[in-house]
Amino acid sequence: MTIEYIRYRVARPDAAEFEAAYARAARALALAPQCVDYELSRCVDEPECYVLRITWTSVDDHLQGFRRGEHFVAFFAEIEPYVGGIEEMRHYERTAVRGVGASVPTMCEWLGGTAALEHLTEVFYTRVGADDLVGPLFANMDPGHPRYVAMWLAEVFGGPSRYTDERGGYHNMLVHHLGKAITEPQRRRWVGLLLDAADEVGLPADPEFRAAFLGYIEWGTRIALANSQPDADPPTEAPVPHWGWGVAPPYHPAQA
């Protein structure tokens, strides 16, 4: 992906119409398959200055796909009167330097930390062991497995990196699924039992947390199911995924 930044200077009397024009132009952006997302911001210190950020699937998709495509005409018709006010228009690429500040708690902090996850996995694997559908998959389970899964979940949800540091990270988790031939009914039962356990131990029930929590569980179990099939050839090395509030890791079809 590439990020385009366009910096405008717009006279104050024209500000309202400028924003309205971009609201109309955004309809074309929303329809363009080359556009990932967009945002128009106004400077607090110099209200005449605006910055438009558009994330494109690639530079070529922007310059060749969008600009030569069916949606550009409608987009440009709305913003053409303001082209003269452009002070910068460049493409940028992301670097590895990024993160979130402490004003937003991690999901691990929100749910109560590693101790809460250990309680969850203890209750959960007790349910699993008594279940006739998924129980056989864990017939020879290591007694420490619930604690290890809690370590994995804590790292995924923004907590300590102990699963990577002490258990071998993604590769170790992967090998536990290879060749298991998990079925879709087993996956669904696993998810259902985990959600029941989450209710039993009192994990936060607010919609925001539960939606993000379930999002990861669905994402992770579907990848585990795919990786467990006899003909699967998943990558053997990858970082532990980091899951936030409604934000999934980048999608790589080869890993799904």
Protein backbone atom coordinates (compact mmCIF):
# COMPACT_ATOMS: atom_id res chain seq x y z
CA MET A 1 0.00 0.00 0.00
CA THR A 2 1.01 3.60 -0.50
CA ILE A 3 -0.23 6.75 1.19
CA GLU A 4 -0.85 9.93 -0.74
CA TYR A 5 -0.79 13.24 1.13
CA ILE A 6 -2.21 16.36 -0.50
CA ARG A 7 -1.76 19.63 1.38
CA TYR A 8 -4.13 22.46 0.49
CA ARG A 9 -4.32 26.12 1.40
CA VAL A 10 -7.93 27.31 1.23
CA ALA A 11 -9.15 30.80 2.06
CA ARG A 12 -11.39 30.84 5.12
CA PRO A 13 -14.49 32.07 3.25
CA ASP A 14 -14.18 29.03 0.96
CA ALA A 15 -13.62 26.46 3.71
CA ALA A 16 -17.21 25.27 4.07
CA GLU A 17 -17.66 24.71 0.33
CA PHE A 18 -14.23 23.08 0.10
CA GLU A 19 -15.22 20.52 2.74
CA ALA A 20 -18.59 19.99 1.07
CA ALA A 21 -16.88 19.45 -2.29
CA TYR A 22 -14.63 16.81 -0.79
CA ALA A 23 -17.58 15.14 0.88
CA ARG A 24 -19.10 14.78 -2.59
CA ALA A 25 -15.79 13.71 -4.14
CA ALA A 26 -15.39 11.08 -1.45
CA ARG A 27 -18.30 9.15 -2.93
CA ALA A 28 -16.10 8.38 -5.93
CA LEU A 29 -13.20 7.42 -3.66
CA ALA A 30 -15.44 5.05 -1.73
CA LEU A 31 -16.38 3.28 -4.98
CA ALA A 32 -12.82 3.00 -6.29
CA PRO A 33 -11.31 -0.49 -5.78
CA GLN A 34 -7.84 1.09 -5.68
CA CYS A 35 -8.72 3.18 -2.59
CA VAL A 36 -8.23 1.65 0.87
CA ASP A 37 -9.32 4.62 2.98
CA TYR A 38 -9.19 8.43 3.11
CA GLU A 39 -9.37 11.32 5.57
CA LEU A 40 -9.48 15.10 5.25
CA SER A 41 -8.03 17.05 8.20
CA ARG A 42 -8.03 20.78 8.91
CA CYS A 43 -5.15 22.48 10.70
CA VAL A 44 -5.99 23.89 14.13
CA ASP A 45 -3.06 26.33 14.14
CA GLU A 46 -3.61 27.54 10.56
CA PRO A 47 -7.25 26.90 9.63
CA GLU A 48 -6.50 27.74 6.00
CA CYS A 49 -4.44 24.54 5.73
CA TYR A 50 -5.93 21.14 4.99
CA VAL A 51 -4.30 17.73 4.53
CA LEU A 52 -6.00 14.97 2.57
CA ARG A 53 -4.70 11.46 3.25
CA ILE A 54 -5.61 8.68 0.82
CA THR A 55 -4.32 5.13 1.15
CA TRP A 56 -4.02 3.42 -2.23
CA THR A 57 -3.37 -0.23 -2.94
CA SER A 58 -0.24 0.87 -4.86
CA VAL A 59 1.19 3.88 -6.67
CA ASP A 60 0.41 2.30 -10.04
CA ASP A 61 -3.14 1.53 -8.94
CA HIS A 62 -3.57 5.19 -8.10
CA LEU A 63 -1.89 6.73 -11.15
CA GLN A 64 -2.91 4.16 -13.75
CA GLY A 65 -5.96 2.46 -12.26
CA PHE A 66 -7.86 5.25 -10.50
CA ARG A 67 -6.85 8.21 -12.65
CA ARG A 68 -7.68 6.32 -15.83
CA GLY A 69 -10.73 4.63 -14.37
CA GLU A 70 -14.42 5.33 -14.28
CA HIS A 71 -14.51 7.08 -10.90
CA PHE A 72 -11.83 9.73 -11.46
CA VAL A 73 -13.99 12.02 -13.59
CA ALA A 74 -16.61 12.41 -10.88
CA PHE A 75 -13.90 12.85 -8.22
CA PHE A 76 -11.99 15.50 -10.14
CA ALA A 77 -15.11 17.44 -11.13
CA GLU A 78 -15.73 18.22 -7.46
CA ILE A 79 -12.19 19.16 -6.42
CA GLU A 80 -10.99 20.87 -9.62
CA PRO A 81 -11.75 24.40 -8.35
CA TYR A 82 -9.25 23.85 -5.51
CA VAL A 83 -6.36 22.33 -7.45
CA GLY A 84 -4.64 25.71 -7.49
CA GLY A 85 -4.49 25.63 -3.71
CA ILE A 86 -2.39 22.45 -3.59
CA GLU A 87 0.96 23.04 -1.86
CA GLU A 88 2.12 19.41 -1.74
CA MET A 89 1.03 16.18 -3.42
CA ARG A 90 3.26 13.17 -2.82
CA HIS A 91 3.17 9.43 -2.23
CA TYR A 92 4.62 7.93 0.96
CA GLU A 93 5.24 4.41 2.21
CA ARG A 94 4.86 3.24 5.78
CA THR A 95 7.88 2.40 7.91
CA ALA A 96 8.18 0.02 10.84
CA VAL A 97 7.95 2.97 13.26
CA ARG A 98 4.37 3.05 14.43
CA GLY A 99 2.24 2.15 17.44
CA VAL A 100 -0.43 3.42 19.79
CA GLY A 101 -0.20 5.61 22.85
CA ALA A 102 -1.10 4.78 26.41
CA SER A 103 -4.39 6.66 26.22
CA VAL A 104 -5.88 3.57 24.54
CA PRO A 105 -5.67 0.44 26.73
CA THR A 106 -4.65 -2.76 25.04
CA MET A 107 -7.25 -5.49 24.88
CA CYS A 108 -5.08 -7.46 27.30
CA GLU A 109 -5.24 -4.62 29.83
CA TRP A 110 -8.97 -4.17 29.28
CA LEU A 111 -9.82 -7.81 29.98
CA GLY A 112 -7.74 -7.98 33.15
CA GLY A 113 -4.30 -9.12 32.03
CA THR A 114 -2.62 -12.51 31.88
CA ALA A 115 -4.22 -13.68 35.13
CA ALA A 116 -7.70 -13.24 33.65
CA LEU A 117 -6.67 -15.14 30.53
CA GLU A 118 -5.24 -18.00 32.61
CA HIS A 119 -8.56 -18.24 34.44
CA LEU A 120 -10.34 -18.23 31.08
CA THR A 121 -8.22 -21.01 29.59
CA GLU A 122 -8.48 -23.18 32.73
CA VAL A 123 -12.27 -23.06 32.58
CA PHE A 124 -12.28 -23.40 28.81
CA TYR A 125 -10.11 -26.50 28.60
CA THR A 126 -12.15 -28.14 31.33
CA ARG A 127 -15.14 -27.68 29.03
CA VAL A 128 -13.11 -28.91 26.05
CA GLY A 129 -12.03 -32.06 27.84
CA ALA A 130 -15.64 -33.00 28.56
CA ASP A 131 -16.84 -32.33 25.01
CA ASP A 132 -17.39 -35.30 22.72
CA LEU A 133 -16.67 -33.34 19.51
CA VAL A 134 -13.48 -31.41 20.28
CA GLY A 135 -12.32 -33.37 23.32
CA PRO A 136 -10.57 -36.07 21.24
CA LEU A 137 -8.33 -33.42 19.64
CA PHE A 138 -6.89 -32.73 23.10
CA ALA A 139 -6.80 -36.28 24.46
CA ASN A 140 -3.03 -36.11 25.13
CA MET A 141 -2.89 -32.44 26.07
CA ASP A 142 0.15 -31.16 27.94
CA PRO A 143 -1.00 -30.13 31.46
CA GLY A 144 0.58 -26.73 30.81
CA HIS A 145 -1.37 -26.17 27.59
CA PRO A 146 -4.06 -23.89 29.09
CA ARG A 147 -1.35 -21.63 30.52
CA TYR A 148 0.52 -21.57 27.22
CA VAL A 149 -2.62 -20.58 25.33
CA ALA A 150 -3.17 -17.79 27.87
CA MET A 151 0.38 -16.60 27.12
CA TRP A 152 -0.39 -16.65 23.39
CA LEU A 153 -3.64 -14.71 23.81
CA ALA A 154 -1.97 -12.17 26.09
CA GLU A 155 0.69 -11.45 23.46
CA VAL A 156 -1.87 -11.30 20.66
CA PHE A 157 -3.97 -8.80 22.62
CA GLY A 158 -1.07 -6.46 23.35
CA GLY A 159 0.35 -7.97 26.54
CA PRO A 160 3.82 -9.36 27.32
CA SER A 161 5.68 -11.19 24.54
CA ARG A 162 6.22 -14.28 26.68
CA TYR A 163 4.90 -16.72 24.09
CA THR A 164 7.53 -15.51 21.63
CA ASP A 165 10.28 -15.29 24.26
CA GLU A 166 9.58 -18.56 26.08
CA ARG A 167 7.56 -20.81 23.77
CA GLY A 168 8.91 -20.21 20.27
CA GLY A 169 6.28 -17.82 18.95
CA TYR A 170 4.25 -18.45 15.81
CA HIS A 171 6.22 -21.52 14.70
CA ASN A 172 5.48 -23.38 17.92
CA MET A 173 1.79 -22.56 17.73
CA LEU A 174 1.70 -23.69 14.09
CA VAL A 175 3.18 -27.13 14.72
CA HIS A 176 0.42 -27.88 17.23
CA HIS A 177 -2.13 -27.63 14.40
CA LEU A 178 -0.31 -29.34 11.53
CA GLY A 179 -1.92 -32.58 10.44
CA LYS A 180 -4.84 -32.37 12.90
CA ALA A 181 -7.43 -32.21 10.08
CA ILE A 182 -9.75 -30.03 12.15
CA THR A 183 -13.31 -29.97 10.83
CA GLU A 184 -15.60 -26.96 10.59
CA PRO A 185 -18.01 -28.41 13.21
CA GLN A 186 -15.05 -28.85 15.57
CA ARG A 187 -13.92 -25.28 14.94
CA ARG A 188 -17.38 -23.92 15.66
CA ARG A 189 -17.70 -25.96 18.84
CA TRP A 190 -14.28 -24.69 19.99
CA VAL A 191 -15.40 -21.10 19.43
CA GLY A 192 -18.70 -21.69 21.22
CA LEU A 193 -17.03 -23.28 24.23
CA LEU A 194 -14.57 -20.40 24.49
CA LEU A 195 -17.35 -17.81 24.41
CA ASP A 196 -19.23 -19.75 27.08
CA ALA A 197 -16.09 -19.79 29.20
CA ALA A 198 -15.65 -16.03 28.66
CA ASP A 199 -19.13 -15.49 30.09
CA GLU A 200 -18.47 -17.85 32.99
CA VAL A 201 -15.26 -16.14 34.11
CA GLY A 202 -16.67 -12.65 33.58
CA LEU A 203 -14.57 -11.24 30.78
CA PRO A 204 -15.75 -7.72 29.88
CA ALA A 205 -19.12 -7.86 28.19
CA ASP A 206 -19.08 -4.45 26.49
CA PRO A 207 -19.88 -4.73 22.78
CA GLU A 208 -16.60 -3.14 21.69
CA PHE A 209 -14.45 -5.69 23.52
CA ARG A 210 -16.57 -8.71 22.67
CA ALA A 211 -16.69 -7.77 18.98
CA ALA A 212 -12.89 -7.42 18.83
CA PHE A 213 -12.37 -10.57 20.92
CA LEU A 214 -14.66 -12.64 18.73
CA GLY A 215 -13.08 -11.14 15.63
CA TYR A 216 -9.72 -12.58 16.62
CA ILE A 217 -11.18 -15.94 17.66
CA GLU A 218 -12.94 -16.30 14.30
CA TRP A 219 -9.86 -15.16 12.38
CA GLY A 220 -7.45 -17.37 14.31
CA THR A 221 -9.55 -20.52 14.31
CA ARG A 222 -10.24 -20.30 10.60
CA ILE A 223 -6.51 -20.04 9.90
CA ALA A 224 -5.86 -22.93 12.30
CA LEU A 225 -8.45 -25.03 10.49
CA ALA A 226 -6.83 -24.31 7.12
CA ASN A 227 -3.33 -25.00 8.44
CA SER A 228 -4.43 -28.31 9.94
CA GLN A 229 -5.51 -29.89 6.66
CA PRO A 230 -3.37 -32.69 5.16
CA ASP A 231 -2.55 -30.69 2.03
CA ALA A 232 -1.81 -27.41 3.86
CA ASP A 233 1.51 -25.68 3.24
CA PRO A 234 1.48 -22.66 5.58
CA PRO A 235 4.50 -20.42 6.16
CA THR A 236 6.61 -21.79 8.99
CA GLU A 237 7.89 -18.43 10.21
CA ALA A 238 5.83 -15.35 10.98
CA PRO A 239 5.37 -12.93 13.88
CA VAL A 240 2.69 -13.51 16.48
CA PRO A 241 -0.32 -11.48 15.27
CA HIS A 242 -1.16 -8.36 17.23
CA TRP A 243 -4.87 -7.70 17.50
CA GLY A 244 -6.38 -4.37 18.44
CA TRP A 245 -9.79 -2.79 18.77
CA GLY A 246 -11.37 -3.85 15.50
CA VAL A 247 -8.06 -3.87 13.62
CA ALA A 248 -6.95 -7.08 11.96
CA PRO A 249 -3.41 -7.79 10.82
CA PRO A 250 -2.72 -7.35 7.10
CA TYR A 251 -4.38 -10.02 5.01
CA HIS A 252 -2.06 -12.38 3.14
CA PRO A 253 -4.06 -14.90 1.07
CA ALA A 254 -1.19 -17.41 1.08
CA GLN A 255 -1.53 -17.72 4.85
CA ALA A 256 -5.31 -18.10 4.95
